Amino acid sequence: MARRRIRNVLAATIVGAFAIPQPAAAHALSVSYARFVVQPRAIDAVIRVPLDDVDLLLRLDRDLDGAVSNAEIDAARDRVEAYVARHLSVIADGVPLPGGQARLAIWRDPAGAQYLEFGAMFPAAAGIAAIAIRSDLLTDLYPAHKTLGEVSLADRSDTFVFEPGRTYEGRVREPGVWTTAWSFIRLGIEHIFTGYDHILFLFGLLLIGTTLRSLVAIVSSFTVAHSITLALATLGVVTPIPWTIEAAIALSIAYIGFENVFARDPKYRWKITFLFGLVHGFGFAAVLRDLNLPHSSIAISLFGFNVGVEVGQIAIVSLMYPLLRWLTRSPYRLPVVRFASSAIALVGLIWFYQRIP
């Protein structure tokens, strides 16, 4: 009886952090998108913020029918404009610019997710030589929320990740390469740490066969594979249907769980890891897909994001490895692996069902 109790506690501890079903797009980082075009005497801004989040903050859905209509958006115009004014600062040559009449509309991305599109012109009294933009939209709802921005300035376009405490500064000279790279390295790290499905996939892979050699082979295979499809998707070479990728990621998690249950020591797991890594790479690319990265910075942005993903992945694997190595020497290894793998398979199937339209 005592052994059974210990076994149950141990299994629950290992699985508890990973096997809690999340929303259908569990791996997606909470993000908004913004584009600023600097003209000689004005800055044109278009910002797309997740509609559900704006509704949660400003209660747009007045009739409580579960959907926000254009009429409800128009009725909330003053509140939306006031909210954006508090969380967005556009400065030209040291002078804050007031926004003009806002344009509000519902916008849908290729996956069908709804955004509130906010457009406004920020006029300047004289010619613009340098700008500074700060944005902390939705951080009062989600502290880790990011706004992925593109700024068209003179003859170039810059990419920037807006968050509290960070200011984009556009001057005559190009911003440093390392500034852009560091922004996307941080974005990649945060993306992998909030990607519950990717973390669960890694956990399932390492749950059995945790020798150092197999660990290096599995992680290396996954890294090479997702790097390939991340680049292909970001560059627009391959554009798969978003929901099919989300469903395939969930199915890969379920497969690994079932394989752990029925295959005691699957050999050459790095091969199946490579195949599923290709699918997960498309999932990683979803964060960059709607940013429309300019050609001038796409290479460094893609490199920085991929480095960030790898840093986050290595950190997660490093945290898992001591526990899993201890498990291989435990007398409760077999029942714990079966219990944890069954839970992983179940969660994967639940996510797969949720992600099918």
Protein backbone atom coordinates (compact mmCIF):
# COMPACT_ATOMS: atom_id res chain seq x y z
CA MET A 1 0.00 0.00 0.00
CA ALA A 2 2.83 2.42 0.87
CA ARG A 3 4.59 1.62 -2.40
CA ARG A 4 1.45 2.26 -4.37
CA ARG A 5 0.98 5.58 -2.59
CA ILE A 6 4.56 6.64 -3.31
CA ARG A 7 4.19 5.58 -6.95
CA ASN A 8 1.04 7.63 -7.41
CA VAL A 9 2.58 10.72 -5.82
CA LEU A 10 5.68 10.44 -7.98
CA ALA A 11 3.69 9.99 -11.17
CA ALA A 12 1.43 12.90 -10.37
CA THR A 13 4.44 15.12 -9.66
CA ILE A 14 6.10 14.34 -12.98
CA VAL A 15 2.99 14.66 -15.11
CA GLY A 16 1.27 17.49 -13.26
CA ALA A 17 3.35 20.27 -14.76
CA PHE A 18 2.95 19.02 -18.31
CA ALA A 19 -0.31 17.14 -18.71
CA ILE A 20 -2.83 19.90 -18.03
CA PRO A 21 -4.88 20.50 -21.19
CA GLN A 22 -4.41 24.03 -22.55
CA PRO A 23 -6.40 25.96 -25.16
CA ALA A 24 -6.26 24.78 -28.74
CA ALA A 25 -3.39 27.08 -29.69
CA ALA A 26 -1.42 26.28 -26.55
CA HIS A 27 1.99 26.99 -28.05
CA ALA A 28 1.18 30.47 -29.35
CA LEU A 29 2.73 33.42 -27.59
CA SER A 30 0.31 36.27 -26.79
CA VAL A 31 1.15 38.87 -29.42
CA SER A 32 -0.17 41.91 -31.24
CA TYR A 33 1.13 43.27 -34.53
CA ALA A 34 1.93 46.85 -35.50
CA ARG A 35 3.19 48.70 -38.57
CA PHE A 36 4.39 52.29 -38.54
CA VAL A 37 5.10 54.18 -41.78
CA VAL A 38 7.08 57.37 -41.33
CA GLN A 39 6.12 60.06 -43.85
CA PRO A 40 7.69 63.54 -44.20
CA ARG A 41 5.21 65.17 -41.78
CA ALA A 42 3.25 62.29 -40.26
CA ILE A 43 3.45 58.72 -38.99
CA ASP A 44 0.78 56.28 -40.16
CA ALA A 45 0.10 53.45 -37.69
CA VAL A 46 -1.83 50.20 -38.10
CA ILE A 47 -2.09 48.00 -35.00
CA ARG A 48 -3.79 44.61 -34.75
CA VAL A 49 -4.69 43.44 -31.26
CA PRO A 50 -6.40 40.10 -30.41
CA LEU A 51 -10.12 40.90 -30.36
CA ASP A 52 -10.95 38.57 -27.46
CA ASP A 53 -8.38 40.29 -25.27
CA VAL A 54 -9.69 43.77 -26.10
CA ASP A 55 -13.20 42.54 -25.33
CA LEU A 56 -12.00 41.17 -22.00
CA LEU A 57 -10.48 44.54 -21.10
CA LEU A 58 -13.06 46.95 -22.51
CA ARG A 59 -16.23 44.81 -22.58
CA LEU A 60 -17.01 45.35 -26.26
CA ASP A 61 -19.65 42.60 -26.42
CA ARG A 62 -22.52 44.59 -24.94
CA ASP A 63 -25.32 42.16 -25.86
CA LEU A 64 -23.35 39.19 -24.45
CA ASP A 65 -23.97 37.01 -27.50
CA GLY A 66 -20.36 35.78 -27.54
CA ALA A 67 -19.37 37.77 -30.63
CA VAL A 68 -18.18 41.34 -31.14
CA SER A 69 -19.88 43.13 -34.02
CA ASN A 70 -18.75 46.18 -35.98
CA ALA A 71 -21.59 48.15 -34.39
CA GLU A 72 -20.30 47.27 -30.91
CA ILE A 73 -16.81 48.34 -31.94
CA ASP A 74 -18.14 51.68 -33.18
CA ALA A 75 -20.01 52.14 -29.90
CA ALA A 76 -16.78 51.58 -27.98
CA ARG A 77 -14.67 53.88 -30.17
CA ASP A 78 -13.96 56.43 -27.42
CA ARG A 79 -12.84 53.74 -24.96
CA VAL A 80 -10.64 52.03 -27.55
CA GLU A 81 -8.98 55.31 -28.56
CA ALA A 82 -8.42 56.27 -24.92
CA TYR A 83 -6.90 52.86 -24.14
CA VAL A 84 -4.51 53.01 -27.11
CA ALA A 85 -3.53 56.58 -26.20
CA ARG A 86 -2.53 55.41 -22.69
CA HIS A 87 -0.44 52.51 -23.95
CA LEU A 88 1.06 53.84 -27.20
CA SER A 89 3.45 56.78 -27.44
CA VAL A 90 4.64 58.16 -30.79
CA ILE A 91 7.34 60.85 -30.57
CA ALA A 92 8.95 62.79 -33.43
CA ASP A 93 12.12 64.76 -32.76
CA GLY A 94 11.36 64.78 -29.04
CA VAL A 95 7.76 65.99 -29.43
CA PRO A 96 4.82 63.62 -28.59
CA LEU A 97 2.41 63.34 -31.52
CA PRO A 98 -1.36 63.19 -30.91
CA GLY A 99 -3.23 60.63 -32.95
CA GLY A 100 -5.94 61.66 -35.39
CA GLN A 101 -9.32 60.02 -35.99
CA ALA A 102 -8.90 56.26 -35.57
CA ARG A 103 -9.98 53.65 -38.08
CA LEU A 104 -11.43 50.56 -36.38
CA ALA A 105 -12.25 47.25 -38.05
CA ILE A 106 -12.21 43.49 -37.47
CA TRP A 107 -9.33 41.69 -39.17
CA ARG A 108 -8.80 37.92 -39.47
CA ASP A 109 -5.49 36.14 -39.93
CA PRO A 110 -5.07 33.05 -42.18
CA ALA A 111 -5.96 30.79 -39.24
CA GLY A 112 -9.25 32.66 -38.67
CA ALA A 113 -8.18 34.38 -35.44
CA GLN A 114 -9.88 37.77 -35.01
CA TYR A 115 -8.03 40.99 -34.31
CA LEU A 116 -9.19 44.54 -33.69
CA GLU A 117 -7.39 46.62 -36.30
CA PHE A 118 -6.64 50.14 -35.12
CA GLY A 119 -5.40 52.64 -37.70
CA ALA A 120 -4.49 56.26 -37.07
CA MET A 121 -2.37 59.10 -38.45
CA PHE A 122 0.00 60.99 -36.15
CA PRO A 123 0.69 64.38 -37.79
CA ALA A 124 3.87 66.37 -37.07
CA ALA A 125 4.28 70.16 -37.26
CA ALA A 126 7.58 69.92 -39.14
CA GLY A 127 9.64 67.43 -41.08
CA ILE A 128 10.48 64.26 -39.15
CA ALA A 129 14.15 63.44 -38.65
CA ALA A 130 13.98 60.92 -35.78
CA ILE A 131 11.23 59.03 -33.98
CA ALA A 132 10.70 57.12 -30.76
CA ILE A 133 7.83 54.67 -30.27
CA ARG A 134 6.78 52.94 -27.05
CA SER A 135 3.99 50.40 -26.73
CA ASP A 136 2.79 48.24 -23.83
CA LEU A 137 -0.59 47.24 -25.24
CA LEU A 138 -2.35 44.44 -23.31
CA THR A 139 0.45 44.13 -20.77
CA ASP A 140 -2.06 45.11 -18.09
CA LEU A 141 -3.87 41.90 -19.03
CA TYR A 142 -0.84 39.71 -19.87
CA PRO A 143 2.48 41.03 -18.48
CA ALA A 144 4.39 38.99 -21.08
CA HIS A 145 2.36 40.29 -24.03
CA LYS A 146 4.47 41.44 -27.00
CA THR A 147 3.74 43.67 -29.96
CA LEU A 148 5.74 42.62 -33.00
CA GLY A 149 6.38 45.79 -34.94
CA GLU A 150 7.58 46.88 -38.35
CA VAL A 151 8.72 50.47 -38.82
CA SER A 152 9.18 51.86 -42.34
CA LEU A 153 11.62 54.72 -42.00
CA ALA A 154 13.10 56.54 -45.02
CA ASP A 155 14.50 53.88 -47.36
CA ARG A 156 14.46 50.97 -44.94
CA SER A 157 12.22 48.88 -42.72
CA ASP A 158 13.12 47.81 -39.19
CA THR A 159 11.57 45.10 -37.03
CA PHE A 160 11.18 45.54 -33.30
CA VAL A 161 9.55 43.73 -30.37
CA PHE A 162 7.63 46.24 -28.24
CA GLU A 163 7.31 45.56 -24.52
CA PRO A 164 7.35 47.61 -21.30
CA GLY A 165 10.61 49.46 -20.78
CA ARG A 166 11.75 49.19 -24.41
CA THR A 167 11.61 52.04 -26.92
CA TYR A 168 12.12 51.86 -30.66
CA GLU A 169 14.34 54.70 -31.87
CA GLY A 170 14.60 55.44 -35.57
CA ARG A 171 17.37 57.71 -36.74
CA VAL A 172 19.18 58.47 -39.94
CA ARG A 173 21.61 55.63 -39.37
CA GLU A 174 20.55 52.01 -39.32
CA PRO A 175 19.95 50.50 -35.88
CA GLY A 176 22.58 48.04 -34.73
CA VAL A 177 22.29 44.46 -35.98
CA TRP A 178 22.66 43.14 -32.45
CA THR A 179 19.70 45.22 -31.25
CA THR A 180 17.42 43.45 -33.71
CA ALA A 181 19.01 40.06 -33.04
CA TRP A 182 18.66 40.37 -29.26
CA SER A 183 14.98 41.34 -29.58
CA PHE A 184 14.25 38.13 -31.46
CA ILE A 185 16.48 35.95 -29.27
CA ARG A 186 14.38 37.03 -26.28
CA LEU A 187 11.19 36.40 -28.27
CA GLY A 188 12.35 32.87 -29.14
CA ILE A 189 13.19 32.06 -25.51
CA GLU A 190 9.81 33.29 -24.29
CA HIS A 191 8.02 31.44 -27.07
CA ILE A 192 9.50 28.05 -26.15
CA PHE A 193 8.88 28.58 -22.43
CA THR A 194 5.19 29.35 -23.11
CA GLY A 195 4.85 26.56 -25.70
CA TYR A 196 3.17 23.92 -23.55
CA ASP A 197 2.76 21.51 -26.45
CA HIS A 198 6.43 21.71 -27.46
CA ILE A 199 7.52 21.19 -23.84
CA LEU A 200 5.23 18.18 -23.49
CA PHE A 201 6.60 16.75 -26.75
CA LEU A 202 10.18 17.04 -25.49
CA PHE A 203 9.23 15.48 -22.16
CA GLY A 204 7.64 12.53 -23.92
CA LEU A 205 10.70 12.05 -26.12
CA LEU A 206 13.07 11.96 -23.16
CA LEU A 207 10.88 9.87 -20.86
CA ILE A 208 12.53 6.67 -22.08
CA GLY A 209 15.98 6.11 -23.48
CA THR A 210 17.61 8.92 -21.52
CA THR A 211 21.28 8.03 -22.05
CA LEU A 212 23.49 10.98 -22.91
CA ARG A 213 24.04 9.65 -26.42
CA SER A 214 20.32 9.29 -27.14
CA LEU A 215 19.64 12.71 -25.61
CA VAL A 216 22.17 14.42 -27.91
CA ALA A 217 20.80 12.57 -30.96
CA ILE A 218 17.18 13.44 -30.16
CA VAL A 219 17.80 17.13 -29.42
CA SER A 220 20.11 17.56 -32.43
CA SER A 221 17.61 15.89 -34.75
CA PHE A 222 14.74 18.04 -33.47
CA THR A 223 16.85 21.22 -33.78
CA VAL A 224 17.93 20.58 -37.37
CA ALA A 225 14.42 19.66 -38.46
CA HIS A 226 12.53 22.58 -36.96
CA SER A 227 15.22 25.01 -38.13
CA ILE A 228 14.58 23.92 -41.72
CA THR A 229 10.81 24.40 -41.67
CA LEU A 230 11.02 27.56 -39.54
CA ALA A 231 13.15 29.14 -42.27
CA LEU A 232 11.00 27.82 -45.13
CA ALA A 233 7.76 29.08 -43.55
CA THR A 234 9.15 32.47 -42.53
CA LEU A 235 10.59 33.06 -46.01
CA GLY A 236 7.25 32.09 -47.56
CA VAL A 237 8.67 29.13 -49.48
CA VAL A 238 6.12 26.80 -47.87
CA THR A 239 2.79 28.03 -46.49
CA PRO A 240 0.84 25.16 -44.91
CA ILE A 241 -2.69 25.62 -43.63
CA PRO A 242 -2.29 26.76 -39.99
CA TRP A 243 -4.87 24.45 -38.40
CA THR A 244 -3.32 21.38 -40.04
CA ILE A 245 0.03 22.18 -38.40
CA GLU A 246 -1.56 22.73 -35.00
CA ALA A 247 -3.43 19.42 -35.31
CA ALA A 248 -0.30 17.59 -36.50
CA ILE A 249 1.69 18.88 -33.51
CA ALA A 250 -0.97 17.54 -31.17
CA LEU A 251 -0.96 14.21 -33.02
CA SER A 252 2.84 13.99 -32.69
CA ILE A 253 2.47 14.34 -28.91
CA ALA A 254 -0.14 11.57 -28.81
CA TYR A 255 2.07 9.31 -30.94
CA ILE A 256 5.08 9.72 -28.64
CA GLY A 257 2.90 8.90 -25.64
CA PHE A 258 1.60 5.70 -27.24
CA GLU A 259 5.08 4.69 -28.41
CA ASN A 260 6.39 5.06 -24.87
CA VAL A 261 3.68 2.71 -23.60
CA PHE A 262 4.03 -0.02 -26.21
CA ALA A 263 7.74 0.19 -27.11
CA ARG A 264 10.01 -0.46 -24.15
CA ASP A 265 13.18 0.92 -25.75
CA PRO A 266 12.48 2.34 -29.23
CA LYS A 267 15.68 2.43 -31.25
CA TYR A 268 16.60 5.23 -33.60
CA ARG A 269 14.07 7.57 -32.03
CA TRP A 270 16.00 10.48 -33.54
CA LYS A 271 14.51 9.56 -36.93
CA ILE A 272 10.89 10.00 -35.84
CA THR A 273 12.01 13.07 -33.91
CA PHE A 274 13.32 14.58 -37.15
CA LEU A 275 10.01 13.95 -38.90
CA PHE A 276 7.96 15.55 -36.14
CA GLY A 277 10.54 18.33 -35.77
CA LEU A 278 9.68 19.43 -39.31
CA VAL A 279 6.06 19.84 -38.20
CA HIS A 280 6.96 21.71 -35.01
CA GLY A 281 9.11 24.12 -37.02
CA PHE A 282 6.01 25.29 -38.87
CA GLY A 283 4.43 25.86 -35.46
CA PHE A 284 7.37 28.02 -34.35
CA ALA A 285 7.04 30.05 -37.55
CA ALA A 286 3.49 31.09 -36.64
CA VAL A 287 4.90 33.83 -34.40
CA LEU A 288 6.81 35.42 -37.30
CA ARG A 289 4.34 34.61 -40.07
CA ASP A 290 2.15 37.71 -39.77
CA LEU A 291 4.99 40.15 -39.13
CA ASN A 292 5.96 40.46 -42.83
CA LEU A 293 9.62 40.83 -41.97
CA PRO A 294 11.45 43.15 -44.42
CA HIS A 295 14.18 41.62 -46.56
CA SER A 296 16.80 43.87 -44.96
CA SER A 297 16.39 42.29 -41.53
CA ILE A 298 14.75 38.93 -42.18
CA ALA A 299 18.01 36.97 -41.90
CA ILE A 300 19.06 38.39 -38.54
CA SER A 301 15.49 38.24 -37.17
CA LEU A 302 15.13 34.60 -38.19
CA PHE A 303 18.57 33.74 -36.82
CA GLY A 304 17.87 35.48 -33.51
CA PHE A 305 14.48 33.83 -33.06
CA ASN A 306 15.91 30.39 -33.82
CA VAL A 307 18.79 30.92 -31.38
CA GLY A 308 16.27 31.95 -28.72
CA VAL A 309 14.22 28.80 -29.32
CA GLU A 310 17.36 26.67 -28.94
CA VAL A 311 18.44 28.43 -25.75
CA GLY A 312 14.99 27.89 -24.25
CA GLN A 313 14.93 24.27 -25.40
CA ILE A 314 18.35 23.52 -23.91
CA ALA A 315 17.29 25.10 -20.62
CA ILE A 316 14.13 22.97 -20.48
CA VAL A 317 16.00 19.77 -21.34
CA SER A 318 18.62 20.58 -18.69
CA LEU A 319 15.88 20.88 -16.07
CA MET A 320 14.24 17.62 -17.15
CA TYR A 321 17.35 15.50 -17.50
CA PRO A 322 18.34 14.99 -13.83
CA LEU A 323 14.80 13.94 -12.95
CA LEU A 324 14.59 11.53 -15.86
CA ARG A 325 18.02 10.06 -15.12
CA TRP A 326 16.93 9.44 -11.54
CA LEU A 327 13.79 7.80 -12.87
CA THR A 328 15.82 5.28 -14.92
CA ARG A 329 17.34 3.96 -11.66
CA SER A 330 14.07 3.95 -9.75
CA PRO A 331 12.21 0.67 -9.03
CA TYR A 332 9.04 2.53 -10.01
CA ARG A 333 10.31 3.40 -13.48
CA LEU A 334 7.97 1.16 -15.47
CA PRO A 335 4.64 2.16 -13.83
CA VAL A 336 5.62 5.86 -13.81
CA VAL A 337 6.57 5.78 -17.50
CA ARG A 338 3.31 4.03 -18.38
CA PHE A 339 1.21 6.46 -16.36
CA ALA A 340 3.01 9.56 -17.65
CA SER A 341 3.00 8.36 -21.26
CA SER A 342 -0.71 7.52 -21.12
CA ALA A 343 -1.40 11.02 -19.82
CA ILE A 344 0.74 12.52 -22.62
CA ALA A 345 -1.14 10.52 -25.24
CA LEU A 346 -4.49 11.58 -23.80
CA VAL A 347 -3.55 15.26 -23.75
CA GLY A 348 -2.29 15.02 -27.33
CA LEU A 349 -5.58 13.49 -28.47
CA ILE A 350 -7.56 16.20 -26.65
CA TRP A 351 -5.54 18.94 -28.32
CA PHE A 352 -5.91 17.18 -31.69
CA TYR A 353 -9.70 17.18 -31.30
CA GLN A 354 -9.71 20.84 -30.23
CA ARG A 355 -7.63 21.95 -33.21
CA ILE A 356 -9.72 20.35 -35.93
CA PRO A 357 -12.16 22.98 -37.32
